[in-house]
């Protein structure tokens, strides 16, 4: 694989990741597992039957720059 081919594939990583996350979400629900999602400042548990339960409020996302290091308590 040459540099140009590698760069082309790397440009599509976000799309591939989005597809993989969506597939994992539906696979988990299809296997009978519950899934946690973050939506509108809430942590939500989604059940295989489609019911949603708000577990708690969560802080807003943190914007970070490439190479930035964060420390968590």
PDB file of N, CA and C in Angstrom:
ATOM      1  N   UNK A   1       0.853  -1.168   0.000  1.00  0.00           N
ATOM      2  CA  UNK A   1       0.000   0.000   0.000  1.00  0.00           C
ATOM      3  C   UNK A   1       0.903   1.237   0.000  1.00  0.00           C
ATOM      4  N   UNK A   2       0.596   2.161  -0.884  1.00  0.00           N
ATOM      5  CA  UNK A   2       1.412   3.368  -0.929  1.00  0.00           C
ATOM      6  C   UNK A   2       0.815   4.463  -0.036  1.00  0.00           C
ATOM      7  N   UNK A   3       1.527   5.568   0.085  1.00  0.00           N
ATOM      8  CA  UNK A   3       1.140   6.662   0.982  1.00  0.00           C
ATOM      9  C   UNK A   3      -0.224   7.237   0.599  1.00  0.00           C
ATOM     10  N   UNK A   4      -0.461   7.404  -0.694  1.00  0.00           N
ATOM     11  CA  UNK A   4      -1.724   7.987  -1.152  1.00  0.00           C
ATOM     12  C   UNK A   4      -2.907   7.087  -0.786  1.00  0.00           C
ATOM     13  N   UNK A   5      -2.751   5.793  -0.960  1.00  0.00           N
ATOM     14  CA  UNK A   5      -3.814   4.844  -0.604  1.00  0.00           C
ATOM     15  C   UNK A   5      -4.075   4.860   0.896  1.00  0.00           C
ATOM     16  N   UNK A   6      -3.005   4.927   1.677  1.00  0.00           N
ATOM     17  CA  UNK A   6      -3.138   4.948   3.128  1.00  0.00           C
ATOM     18  C   UNK A   6      -3.865   6.216   3.584  1.00  0.00           C
ATOM     19  N   UNK A   7      -3.520   7.346   3.022  1.00  0.00           N
ATOM     20  CA  UNK A   7      -4.167   8.600   3.388  1.00  0.00           C
ATOM     21  C   UNK A   7      -5.653   8.574   3.036  1.00  0.00           C
ATOM     22  N   UNK A   8      -5.973   7.992   1.876  1.00  0.00           N
ATOM     23  CA  UNK A   8      -7.371   7.883   1.469  1.00  0.00           C
ATOM     24  C   UNK A   8      -8.162   7.073   2.495  1.00  0.00           C
ATOM     25  N   UNK A   9      -7.627   5.930   2.901  1.00  0.00           N
ATOM     26  CA  UNK A   9      -8.310   5.094   3.884  1.00  0.00           C
ATOM     27  C   UNK A   9      -8.406   5.786   5.237  1.00  0.00           C
ATOM     28  N   UNK A  10      -7.358   6.478   5.646  1.00  0.00           N
ATOM     29  CA  UNK A  10      -7.365   7.177   6.927  1.00  0.00           C
ATOM     30  C   UNK A  10      -8.425   8.266   6.974  1.00  0.00           C
ATOM     31  N   UNK A  11      -8.691   8.885   5.835  1.00  0.00           N
ATOM     32  CA  UNK A  11      -9.721   9.932   5.777  1.00  0.00           C
ATOM     33  C   UNK A  11     -11.099   9.370   6.091  1.00  0.00           C
ATOM     34  N   UNK A  12     -11.292   8.091   5.881  1.00  0.00           N
ATOM     35  CA  UNK A  12     -12.602   7.475   6.068  1.00  0.00           C
ATOM     36  C   UNK A  12     -12.751   6.770   7.423  1.00  0.00           C
ATOM     37  N   UNK A  13     -11.757   6.900   8.289  1.00  0.00           N
ATOM     38  CA  UNK A  13     -11.827   6.256   9.605  1.00  0.00           C
ATOM     39  C   UNK A  13     -13.050   6.715  10.395  1.00  0.00           C
ATOM     40  N   UNK A  14     -13.360   8.013  10.452  1.00  0.00           N
ATOM     41  CA  UNK A  14     -14.550   8.413  11.222  1.00  0.00           C
ATOM     42  C   UNK A  14     -15.838   7.733  10.731  1.00  0.00           C
ATOM     43  N   UNK A  15     -15.991   7.574   9.430  1.00  0.00           N
ATOM     44  CA  UNK A  15     -17.178   6.910   8.889  1.00  0.00           C
ATOM     45  C   UNK A  15     -17.199   5.442   9.285  1.00  0.00           C
ATOM     46  N   UNK A  16     -16.045   4.791   9.236  1.00  0.00           N
ATOM     47  CA  UNK A  16     -15.974   3.381   9.604  1.00  0.00           C
ATOM     48  C   UNK A  16     -16.284   3.190  11.090  1.00  0.00           C
ATOM     49  N   UNK A  17     -15.781   4.090  11.922  1.00  0.00           N
ATOM     50  CA  UNK A  17     -16.034   4.010  13.362  1.00  0.00           C
ATOM     51  C   UNK A  17     -17.518   4.202  13.649  1.00  0.00           C
ATOM     52  N   UNK A  18     -18.121   5.172  12.998  1.00  0.00           N
ATOM     53  CA  UNK A  18     -19.550   5.413  13.203  1.00  0.00           C
ATOM     54  C   UNK A  18     -20.356   4.160  12.857  1.00  0.00           C
ATOM     55  N   UNK A  19     -20.025   3.516  11.761  1.00  0.00           N
ATOM     56  CA  UNK A  19     -20.715   2.291  11.367  1.00  0.00           C
ATOM     57  C   UNK A  19     -20.502   1.171  12.366  1.00  0.00           C
ATOM     58  N   UNK A  20     -19.285   1.036  12.879  1.00  0.00           N
ATOM     59  CA  UNK A  20     -18.977  -0.014  13.846  1.00  0.00           C
ATOM     60  C   UNK A  20     -19.723   0.205  15.158  1.00  0.00           C
ATOM     61  N   UNK A  21     -19.809   1.454  15.611  1.00  0.00           N
ATOM     62  CA  UNK A  21     -20.521   1.760  16.860  1.00  0.00           C
ATOM     63  C   UNK A  21     -22.015   1.475  16.695  1.00  0.00           C
ATOM     64  N   UNK A  22     -22.575   1.867  15.568  1.00  0.00           N
ATOM     65  CA  UNK A  22     -23.990   1.601  15.312  1.00  0.00           C
ATOM     66  C   UNK A  22     -24.267   0.102  15.276  1.00  0.00           C
ATOM     67  N   UNK A  23     -23.403  -0.641  14.617  1.00  0.00           N
ATOM     68  CA  UNK A  23     -23.562  -2.092  14.537  1.00  0.00           C
ATOM     69  C   UNK A  23     -23.466  -2.733  15.930  1.00  0.00           C
ATOM     70  N   UNK A  24     -22.517  -2.280  16.744  1.00  0.00           N
ATOM     71  CA  UNK A  24     -22.362  -2.817  18.101  1.00  0.00           C
ATOM     72  C   UNK A  24     -23.583  -2.500  18.961  1.00  0.00           C
ATOM     73  N   UNK A  25     -24.140  -1.309  18.812  1.00  0.00           N
ATOM     74  CA  UNK A  25     -25.337  -0.892  19.551  1.00  0.00           C
ATOM     75  C   UNK A  25     -26.484  -1.857  19.265  1.00  0.00           C
ATOM     76  N   UNK A  26     -26.764  -2.077  17.981  1.00  0.00           N
ATOM     77  CA  UNK A  26     -27.879  -2.949  17.607  1.00  0.00           C
ATOM     78  C   UNK A  26     -27.595  -4.409  17.939  1.00  0.00           C
ATOM     79  N   UNK A  27     -26.351  -4.841  17.818  1.00  0.00           N
ATOM     80  CA  UNK A  27     -26.001  -6.228  18.164  1.00  0.00           C
ATOM     81  C   UNK A  27     -26.209  -6.482  19.655  1.00  0.00           C
ATOM     82  N   UNK A  28     -25.849  -5.507  20.485  1.00  0.00           N
ATOM     83  CA  UNK A  28     -26.038  -5.654  21.929  1.00  0.00           C
ATOM     84  C   UNK A  28     -27.522  -5.760  22.262  1.00  0.00           C
ATOM     85  N   UNK A  29     -28.337  -4.894  21.676  1.00  0.00           N
ATOM     86  CA  UNK A  29     -29.771  -4.949  21.935  1.00  0.00           C
ATOM     87  C   UNK A  29     -30.364  -6.265  21.412  1.00  0.00           C
ATOM     88  N   UNK A  30     -29.932  -6.697  20.241  1.00  0.00           N
ATOM     89  CA  UNK A  30     -30.450  -7.935  19.655  1.00  0.00           C
ATOM     90  C   UNK A  30     -30.095  -9.158  20.487  1.00  0.00           C
ATOM     91  N   UNK A  31     -28.992  -9.087  21.223  1.00  0.00           N
ATOM     92  CA  UNK A  31     -28.583 -10.225  22.056  1.00  0.00           C
ATOM     93  C   UNK A  31     -29.216 -10.178  23.452  1.00  0.00           C
ATOM     94  N   UNK A  32     -30.092  -9.201  23.677  1.00  0.00           N
ATOM     95  CA  UNK A  32     -30.804  -9.124  24.944  1.00  0.00           C
ATOM     96  C   UNK A  32     -30.155  -8.241  25.983  1.00  0.00           C
ATOM     97  N   UNK A  33     -29.094  -7.550  25.618  1.00  0.00           N
ATOM     98  CA  UNK A  33     -28.393  -6.680  26.573  1.00  0.00           C
ATOM     99  C   UNK A  33     -28.978  -5.277  26.564  1.00  0.00           C
ATOM    100  N   UNK A  34     -28.772  -4.568  27.657  1.00  0.00           N
ATOM    101  CA  UNK A  34     -29.129  -3.154  27.733  1.00  0.00           C
ATOM    102  C   UNK A  34     -27.919  -2.344  27.273  1.00  0.00           C
ATOM    103  N   UNK A  35     -28.184  -1.127  26.783  1.00  0.00           N
ATOM    104  CA  UNK A  35     -27.130  -0.262  26.267  1.00  0.00           C
ATOM    105  C   UNK A  35     -27.238   1.094  26.956  1.00  0.00           C
ATOM    106  N   UNK A  36     -26.108   1.689  27.294  1.00  0.00           N
ATOM    107  CA  UNK A  36     -26.091   3.040  27.864  1.00  0.00           C
ATOM    108  C   UNK A  36     -25.733   4.034  26.779  1.00  0.00           C
ATOM    109  N   UNK A  37     -26.481   5.137  26.739  1.00  0.00           N
ATOM    110  CA  UNK A  37     -26.188   6.204  25.803  1.00  0.00           C
ATOM    111  C   UNK A  37     -26.198   7.530  26.553  1.00  0.00           C
ATOM    112  N   UNK A  38     -25.503   8.511  26.013  1.00  0.00           N
ATOM    113  CA  UNK A  38     -25.537   9.871  26.540  1.00  0.00           C
ATOM    114  C   UNK A  38     -26.327  10.707  25.550  1.00  0.00           C
ATOM    115  N   UNK A  39     -27.350  11.398  26.075  1.00  0.00           N
ATOM    116  CA  UNK A  39     -28.216  12.175  25.201  1.00  0.00           C
ATOM    117  C   UNK A  39     -28.748  13.373  25.960  1.00  0.00           C
ATOM    118  N   UNK A  40     -28.539  14.557  25.430  1.00  0.00           N
ATOM    119  CA  UNK A  40     -29.047  15.803  26.003  1.00  0.00           C
ATOM    120  C   UNK A  40     -28.727  15.947  27.491  1.00  0.00           C
ATOM    121  N   UNK A  41     -27.479  15.649  27.851  1.00  0.00           N
ATOM    122  CA  UNK A  41     -27.042  15.826  29.227  1.00  0.00           C
ATOM    123  C   UNK A  41     -27.532  14.772  30.199  1.00  0.00           C
ATOM    124  N   UNK A  42     -28.019  13.651  29.675  1.00  0.00           N
ATOM    125  CA  UNK A  42     -28.523  12.567  30.520  1.00  0.00           C
ATOM    126  C   UNK A  42     -27.847  11.258  30.128  1.00  0.00           C
ATOM    127  N   UNK A  43     -27.647  10.387  31.123  1.00  0.00           N
ATOM    128  CA  UNK A  43     -27.187   9.026  30.878  1.00  0.00           C
ATOM    129  C   UNK A  43     -28.439   8.168  30.846  1.00  0.00           C
ATOM    130  N   UNK A  44     -28.664   7.487  29.709  1.00  0.00           N
ATOM    131  CA  UNK A  44     -29.909   6.763  29.488  1.00  0.00           C
ATOM    132  C   UNK A  44     -29.614   5.292  29.236  1.00  0.00           C
ATOM    133  N   UNK A  45     -30.394   4.424  29.895  1.00  0.00           N
ATOM    134  CA  UNK A  45     -30.314   2.985  29.686  1.00  0.00           C
ATOM    135  C   UNK A  45     -31.413   2.598  28.689  1.00  0.00           C
ATOM    136  N   UNK A  46     -31.002   1.969  27.574  1.00  0.00           N
ATOM    137  CA  UNK A  46     -31.951   1.525  26.560  1.00  0.00           C
ATOM    138  C   UNK A  46     -32.049   0.011  26.645  1.00  0.00           C
ATOM    139  N   UNK A  47     -33.274  -0.493  26.759  1.00  0.00           N
ATOM    140  CA  UNK A  47     -33.513  -1.935  26.853  1.00  0.00           C
ATOM    141  C   UNK A  47     -33.840  -2.505  25.474  1.00  0.00           C
ATOM    142  N   UNK A  48     -33.689  -3.817  25.319  1.00  0.00           N
ATOM    143  CA  UNK A  48     -33.988  -4.446  24.034  1.00  0.00           C
ATOM    144  C   UNK A  48     -35.422  -4.223  23.547  1.00  0.00           C
ATOM    145  N   UNK A  49     -36.353  -4.005  24.477  1.00  0.00           N
ATOM    146  CA  UNK A  49     -37.741  -3.768  24.062  1.00  0.00           C
ATOM    147  C   UNK A  49     -38.008  -2.311  23.702  1.00  0.00           C
ATOM    148  N   UNK A  50     -36.969  -1.469  23.764  1.00  0.00           N
ATOM    149  CA  UNK A  50     -37.090  -0.069  23.365  1.00  0.00           C
ATOM    150  C   UNK A  50     -37.359   0.897  24.497  1.00  0.00           C
ATOM    151  N   UNK A  51     -37.588   0.390  25.702  1.00  0.00           N
ATOM    152  CA  UNK A  51     -37.826   1.312  26.813  1.00  0.00           C
ATOM    153  C   UNK A  51     -36.530   2.034  27.166  1.00  0.00           C
ATOM    154  N   UNK A  52     -36.705   3.263  27.620  1.00  0.00           N
ATOM    155  CA  UNK A  52     -35.563   4.100  27.978  1.00  0.00           C
ATOM    156  C   UNK A  52     -35.737   4.562  29.417  1.00  0.00           C
ATOM    157  N   UNK A  53     -34.658   4.499  30.179  1.00  0.00           N
ATOM    158  CA  UNK A  53     -34.695   4.907  31.583  1.00  0.00           C
ATOM    159  C   UNK A  53     -33.551   5.890  31.825  1.00  0.00           C
ATOM    160  N   UNK A  54     -33.882   7.095  32.271  1.00  0.00           N
ATOM    161  CA  UNK A  54     -32.857   8.084  32.592  1.00  0.00           C
ATOM    162  C   UNK A  54     -32.216   7.686  33.907  1.00  0.00           C
ATOM    163  N   UNK A  55     -30.911   7.481  33.896  1.00  0.00           N
ATOM    164  CA  UNK A  55     -30.188   7.071  35.094  1.00  0.00           C
ATOM    165  C   UNK A  55     -29.704   8.258  35.902  1.00  0.00           C
ATOM    166  N   UNK A  56     -29.201   9.283  35.202  1.00  0.00           N
ATOM    167  CA  UNK A  56     -28.741  10.477  35.913  1.00  0.00           C
ATOM    168  C   UNK A  56     -28.339  11.554  34.912  1.00  0.00           C
ATOM    169  N   UNK A  57     -28.143  12.741  35.425  1.00  0.00           N
ATOM    170  CA  UNK A  57     -27.608  13.836  34.615  1.00  0.00           C
ATOM    171  C   UNK A  57     -26.099  13.674  34.536  1.00  0.00           C
ATOM    172  N   UNK A  58     -25.528  14.112  33.432  1.00  0.00           N
ATOM    173  CA  UNK A  58     -24.076  14.036  33.251  1.00  0.00           C
ATOM    174  C   UNK A  58     -23.555  15.407  32.843  1.00  0.00           C
ATOM    175  N   UNK A  59     -22.279  15.684  33.143  1.00  0.00           N
ATOM    176  CA  UNK A  59     -21.716  16.975  32.765  1.00  0.00           C
ATOM    177  C   UNK A  59     -21.579  17.081  31.249  1.00  0.00           C
ATOM    178  N   UNK A  60     -21.480  18.302  30.756  1.00  0.00           N
ATOM    179  CA  UNK A  60     -21.332  18.483  29.309  1.00  0.00           C
ATOM    180  C   UNK A  60     -20.005  17.908  28.815  1.00  0.00           C
ATOM    181  N   UNK A  61     -19.925  17.580  27.528  1.00  0.00           N
ATOM    182  CA  UNK A  61     -18.673  17.057  26.975  1.00  0.00           C
ATOM    183  C   UNK A  61     -17.531  18.056  27.154  1.00  0.00           C
ATOM    184  N   UNK A  62     -16.324  17.540  27.215  1.00  0.00           N
ATOM    185  CA  UNK A  62     -15.135  18.377  27.356  1.00  0.00           C
ATOM    186  C   UNK A  62     -14.441  18.456  25.997  1.00  0.00           C
ATOM    187  N   UNK A  63     -14.222  19.658  25.514  1.00  0.00           N
ATOM    188  CA  UNK A  63     -13.477  19.823  24.267  1.00  0.00           C
ATOM    189  C   UNK A  63     -11.990  19.705  24.561  1.00  0.00           C
ATOM    190  N   UNK A  64     -11.280  18.933  23.771  1.00  0.00           N
ATOM    191  CA  UNK A  64      -9.838  18.792  23.937  1.00  0.00           C
ATOM    192  C   UNK A  64      -9.149  19.007  22.606  1.00  0.00           C
ATOM    193  N   UNK A  65      -7.924  19.449  22.682  1.00  0.00           N
ATOM    194  CA  UNK A  65      -7.100  19.644  21.501  1.00  0.00           C
ATOM    195  C   UNK A  65      -6.173  18.449  21.352  1.00  0.00           C
ATOM    196  N   UNK A  66      -5.741  18.192  20.145  1.00  0.00           N
ATOM    197  CA  UNK A  66      -4.821  17.090  19.895  1.00  0.00           C
ATOM    198  C   UNK A  66      -3.587  17.256  20.772  1.00  0.00           C
ATOM    199  N   UNK A  67      -3.236  16.216  21.506  1.00  0.00           N
ATOM    200  CA  UNK A  67      -2.065  16.242  22.368  1.00  0.00           C
ATOM    201  C   UNK A  67      -2.320  16.778  23.763  1.00  0.00           C
ATOM    202  N   UNK A  68      -3.504  17.329  24.001  1.00  0.00           N
ATOM    203  CA  UNK A  68      -3.833  17.876  25.323  1.00  0.00           C
ATOM    204  C   UNK A  68      -3.994  16.741  26.313  1.00  0.00           C
ATOM    205  N   UNK A  69      -3.478  16.929  27.525  1.00  0.00           N
ATOM    206  CA  UNK A  69      -3.603  15.925  28.576  1.00  0.00           C
ATOM    207  C   UNK A  69      -4.535  16.439  29.655  1.00  0.00           C
ATOM    208  N   UNK A  70      -5.419  15.562  30.112  1.00  0.00           N
ATOM    209  CA  UNK A  70      -6.356  15.901  31.180  1.00  0.00           C
ATOM    210  C   UNK A  70      -6.110  14.986  32.365  1.00  0.00           C
ATOM    211  N   UNK A  71      -6.355  15.491  33.556  1.00  0.00           N
ATOM    212  CA  UNK A  71      -6.248  14.665  34.752  1.00  0.00           C
ATOM    213  C   UNK A  71      -7.624  14.579  35.375  1.00  0.00           C
ATOM    214  N   UNK A  72      -7.995  13.362  35.759  1.00  0.00           N
ATOM    215  CA  UNK A  72      -9.297  13.137  36.376  1.00  0.00           C
ATOM    216  C   UNK A  72      -9.075  12.655  37.805  1.00  0.00           C
ATOM    217  N   UNK A  73      -9.950  13.103  38.692  1.00  0.00           N
ATOM    218  CA  UNK A  73      -9.802  12.706  40.101  1.00  0.00           C
ATOM    219  C   UNK A  73     -10.039  11.212  40.294  1.00  0.00           C
TER     220      UNK A  73
END
